[in-house]
Protein backbone atom coordinates (compact mmCIF):
# COMPACT_ATOMS: atom_id res chain seq x y z
CA MET A 1 0.00 0.00 0.00
CA ALA A 2 1.28 3.45 -0.93
CA LYS A 3 2.27 5.72 1.89
CA VAL A 4 0.40 9.00 2.13
CA ARG A 5 2.61 12.04 1.66
CA ASN A 6 1.96 15.52 2.90
CA PRO A 7 2.42 18.33 0.36
CA ILE A 8 5.87 19.23 1.68
CA GLN A 9 7.10 15.63 1.41
CA ALA A 10 5.54 15.32 -2.05
CA GLN A 11 7.47 18.39 -3.20
CA ARG A 12 10.72 17.05 -1.70
CA ASP A 13 10.13 13.73 -3.45
CA ARG A 14 9.51 15.52 -6.75
CA VAL A 15 12.85 17.31 -6.44
CA GLU A 16 14.59 13.97 -5.88
CA VAL A 17 12.57 12.27 -8.64
CA ALA A 18 13.59 15.03 -11.05
CA LYS A 19 17.27 14.78 -10.10
CA LEU A 20 17.32 11.01 -10.56
CA TYR A 21 15.32 11.22 -13.79
CA LEU A 22 17.82 13.71 -15.21
CA GLN A 23 20.63 11.35 -14.22
CA GLY A 24 19.04 8.65 -16.40
CA TYR A 25 17.35 6.47 -13.78
CA THR A 26 14.22 4.60 -14.85
CA GLN A 27 10.95 5.04 -13.00
CA LEU A 28 11.38 1.64 -11.33
CA GLN A 29 14.92 2.52 -10.21
CA ILE A 30 13.72 5.84 -8.83
CA ALA A 31 10.85 4.12 -7.00
CA ASP A 32 13.23 1.59 -5.44
CA LYS A 33 15.76 4.25 -4.47
CA LEU A 34 13.15 6.55 -2.87
CA GLU A 35 11.03 3.68 -1.53
CA ILE A 36 7.84 4.87 -3.21
CA ASP A 37 5.50 3.27 -5.76
CA GLN A 38 6.39 3.45 -9.44
CA SER A 39 2.96 5.00 -10.09
CA THR A 40 3.86 7.80 -7.66
CA VAL A 41 7.11 8.37 -9.54
CA CYS A 42 5.11 8.50 -12.78
CA ARG A 43 2.71 11.11 -11.38
CA ASP A 44 5.56 13.10 -9.86
CA LEU A 45 7.36 13.13 -13.22
CA GLN A 46 4.20 14.36 -14.93
CA VAL A 47 3.97 17.23 -12.44
CA VAL A 48 7.68 18.03 -12.79
CA LYS A 49 7.55 17.97 -16.60
CA ARG A 50 4.52 20.29 -16.58
CA GLN A 51 6.43 22.66 -14.30
CA TRP A 52 9.46 22.55 -16.60
CA GLN A 53 7.26 23.21 -19.59
CA GLN A 54 5.54 26.15 -17.91
CA GLN A 55 8.88 27.62 -16.88
CA ALA A 56 10.27 27.20 -20.40
CA LEU A 57 7.17 28.75 -21.95
CA GLY A 58 7.22 31.59 -19.44
CA HIS A 59 10.88 32.28 -20.20
CA ALA A 60 10.26 32.06 -23.95
CA ASN A 61 7.30 34.43 -23.64
CA GLU A 62 9.43 36.90 -21.68
CA LEU A 63 12.10 36.79 -24.38
CA ILE A 64 9.51 37.24 -27.12
CA GLN A 65 7.93 40.19 -25.31
CA ALA A 66 11.32 41.82 -24.77
CA GLU A 67 12.21 41.37 -28.44
CA LEU A 68 8.85 42.75 -29.58
CA GLU A 69 9.32 45.78 -27.33
CA ARG A 70 12.81 46.33 -28.74
CA LEU A 71 11.41 46.17 -32.27
CA ARG A 72 8.62 48.58 -31.32
CA LEU A 73 11.19 51.11 -30.11
CA ILE A 74 13.32 50.72 -33.23
CA GLU A 75 10.25 51.17 -35.43
CA GLN A 76 9.13 54.24 -33.47
CA GLN A 77 12.56 55.83 -33.80
CA ALA A 78 12.71 55.01 -37.51
CA TRP A 79 9.31 56.62 -38.08
CA GLU A 80 10.37 59.72 -36.16
CA ALA A 81 13.61 59.95 -38.12
CA TRP A 82 11.79 59.45 -41.43
CA ASN A 83 9.21 62.11 -40.58
CA HIS A 84 12.00 64.48 -39.56
CA SER A 85 13.88 63.77 -42.79
CA ARG A 86 10.88 64.67 -44.93
CA GLN A 87 9.88 67.90 -43.26
CA ASN A 88 9.82 70.90 -45.49
CA THR A 89 13.02 72.79 -45.22
CA ILE A 90 13.54 76.40 -45.95
CA GLY A 91 16.02 76.41 -48.74
CA ALA A 92 18.65 78.98 -49.19
CA THR A 93 16.72 82.11 -48.66
CA VAL A 94 16.88 84.08 -51.76
CA HIS A 95 17.10 87.72 -51.01
CA GLU A 96 16.22 89.72 -53.90
CA GLN A 97 16.52 93.25 -53.08
CA LEU A 98 14.50 95.12 -55.54
CA GLN A 99 14.56 98.79 -55.35
CA GLU A 100 11.22 99.93 -56.42
CA ALA A 101 11.44 102.93 -58.51
CA LEU A 102 9.12 105.05 -56.54
CA GLY A 103 8.98 103.95 -52.94
CA GLY A 104 12.47 102.67 -52.34
CA ASN A 105 11.07 99.57 -50.58
CA VAL A 106 13.13 96.35 -50.38
CA ALA A 107 11.28 93.10 -51.16
CA THR A 108 12.50 89.76 -49.71
CA ARG A 109 11.40 86.36 -51.05
CA SER A 110 12.15 82.92 -49.63
CA ARG A 111 11.87 79.50 -51.26
CA THR A 112 10.70 76.29 -49.51
CA ASP A 113 12.05 72.94 -50.73
CA SER A 114 9.97 69.80 -50.10
CA LYS A 115 11.75 66.57 -49.26
CA VAL A 116 10.47 63.05 -49.83
CA GLY A 117 12.30 61.55 -46.85
CA GLU A 118 15.19 59.14 -46.42
CA ASN A 119 14.45 55.69 -47.83
CA SER A 120 16.83 54.03 -45.37
CA TYR A 121 14.38 54.75 -42.54
CA LEU A 122 11.55 53.10 -44.47
CA GLU A 123 13.79 50.10 -45.14
CA THR A 124 14.46 49.84 -41.40
CA ILE A 125 10.73 49.96 -40.68
CA LEU A 126 10.10 47.23 -43.25
CA ARG A 127 12.81 45.00 -41.70
CA VAL A 128 11.28 45.55 -38.24
CA ILE A 129 7.84 44.54 -39.52
CA GLN A 130 9.29 41.45 -41.21
CA GLN A 131 11.08 40.47 -38.02
CA ARG A 132 7.91 40.95 -35.96
CA VAL A 133 5.95 38.77 -38.39
CA LYS A 134 8.57 36.01 -38.03
CA ILE A 135 8.60 36.20 -34.24
CA LEU A 136 4.82 35.97 -34.09
CA GLY A 137 4.80 33.09 -36.58
CA LEU A 138 2.63 34.96 -39.06
CA ASP A 139 4.80 34.44 -42.13
CA ALA A 140 3.72 32.01 -44.83
CA ASN A 141 6.67 29.63 -44.31
CA ASN A 142 5.81 29.06 -40.65
CA GLN A 143 2.14 28.60 -41.49
CA MET A 144 3.03 26.00 -44.12
CA LYS A 145 5.32 24.22 -41.65
CA ALA A 146 2.57 24.20 -39.02
CA ASP A 147 0.07 22.87 -41.58
CA ASN A 148 2.52 20.14 -42.57
CA ILE A 149 3.10 19.14 -38.95
CA VAL A 150 -0.65 18.92 -38.33
CA ARG A 151 -1.11 16.96 -41.57
CA GLU A 152 1.66 14.52 -40.57
CA GLN A 153 0.15 14.04 -37.11
CA ILE A 154 -3.31 13.40 -38.55
CA ASN A 155 -1.96 10.97 -41.14
CA ASP A 156 0.06 9.16 -38.45
CA PHE A 157 -3.08 8.90 -36.32
CA LEU A 158 -5.06 7.57 -39.28
CA ARG A 159 -2.38 4.94 -40.05
CA LYS A 160 -2.43 3.81 -36.42
CA LEU A 161 -6.22 3.79 -36.39
CA ARG A 162 -6.32 1.80 -39.64
CA CYS A 163 -4.02 -0.84 -38.16
CA CYS A 164 -6.34 -1.27 -35.18
CA LEU A 165 -9.56 -1.67 -37.15
CA SER A 166 -10.88 -4.47 -39.28
CA ASP A 167 -11.94 -3.67 -42.84
CA ALA A 168 -15.57 -3.59 -41.73
CA GLU A 169 -14.79 -1.18 -38.89
CA TRP A 170 -12.51 0.98 -41.04
CA GLU A 171 -15.03 1.53 -43.84
CA PRO A 172 -17.47 3.80 -41.90
CA VAL A 173 -14.55 5.76 -40.37
CA LYS A 174 -12.99 6.20 -43.81
CA ASN A 175 -16.34 7.31 -45.28
CA PHE A 176 -16.82 9.84 -42.49
CA ILE A 177 -13.35 11.28 -43.00
CA LEU A 178 -13.80 11.44 -46.77
CA ALA A 179 -17.15 13.18 -46.32
CA ASN A 180 -15.39 15.82 -44.24
CA ALA A 181 -12.19 15.90 -46.30
CA GLU A 182 -12.70 19.53 -47.31
CA ASN A 183 -12.01 20.54 -43.72
CA SER A 184 -9.23 18.00 -43.20
CA PRO A 185 -5.61 18.30 -44.34
CA ALA A 186 -5.22 14.52 -44.04
CA ARG A 187 -4.79 11.96 -46.81
CA ILE A 188 -6.89 8.80 -46.67
CA ALA A 189 -5.15 5.60 -47.65
């Protein structure tokens, strides 16, 4: 009969289970070494692996957020620089001193040159957008890869399912899948 562990002991055991697991021990070896049931080791490993996954995802999300923020700042600065580069500038003021015949007044005229803006800033903005799209997985290549992974997983599942079913059992499953094939990326063998 399995011994009942309090939450503190369970956490201590999980730390030991994780250490031994990372050292290459099997579940049975860990159970023998810690004098607990193999099923307890299995459950503890599931908890530990979930914790590892959550920590990894949390760290990855932090890195992604930091990178997205960095890109946002670069893009903001590039837009500001581009806007500044395209502002109208007062060109060389042309002073034309015209002595009017009668009044003796002096007339001054100035010329304003319009600028289109520096293309290099727009290129930087475009690179930032492209990088953001890649990080977020919105580019076509990543979408195709994800579709292919899903398709492979579905086809693998269907192969395994086909092996488990008799021809009579497979036929209605196959017909159902074919009837819904428009929504499915899978191939039916």
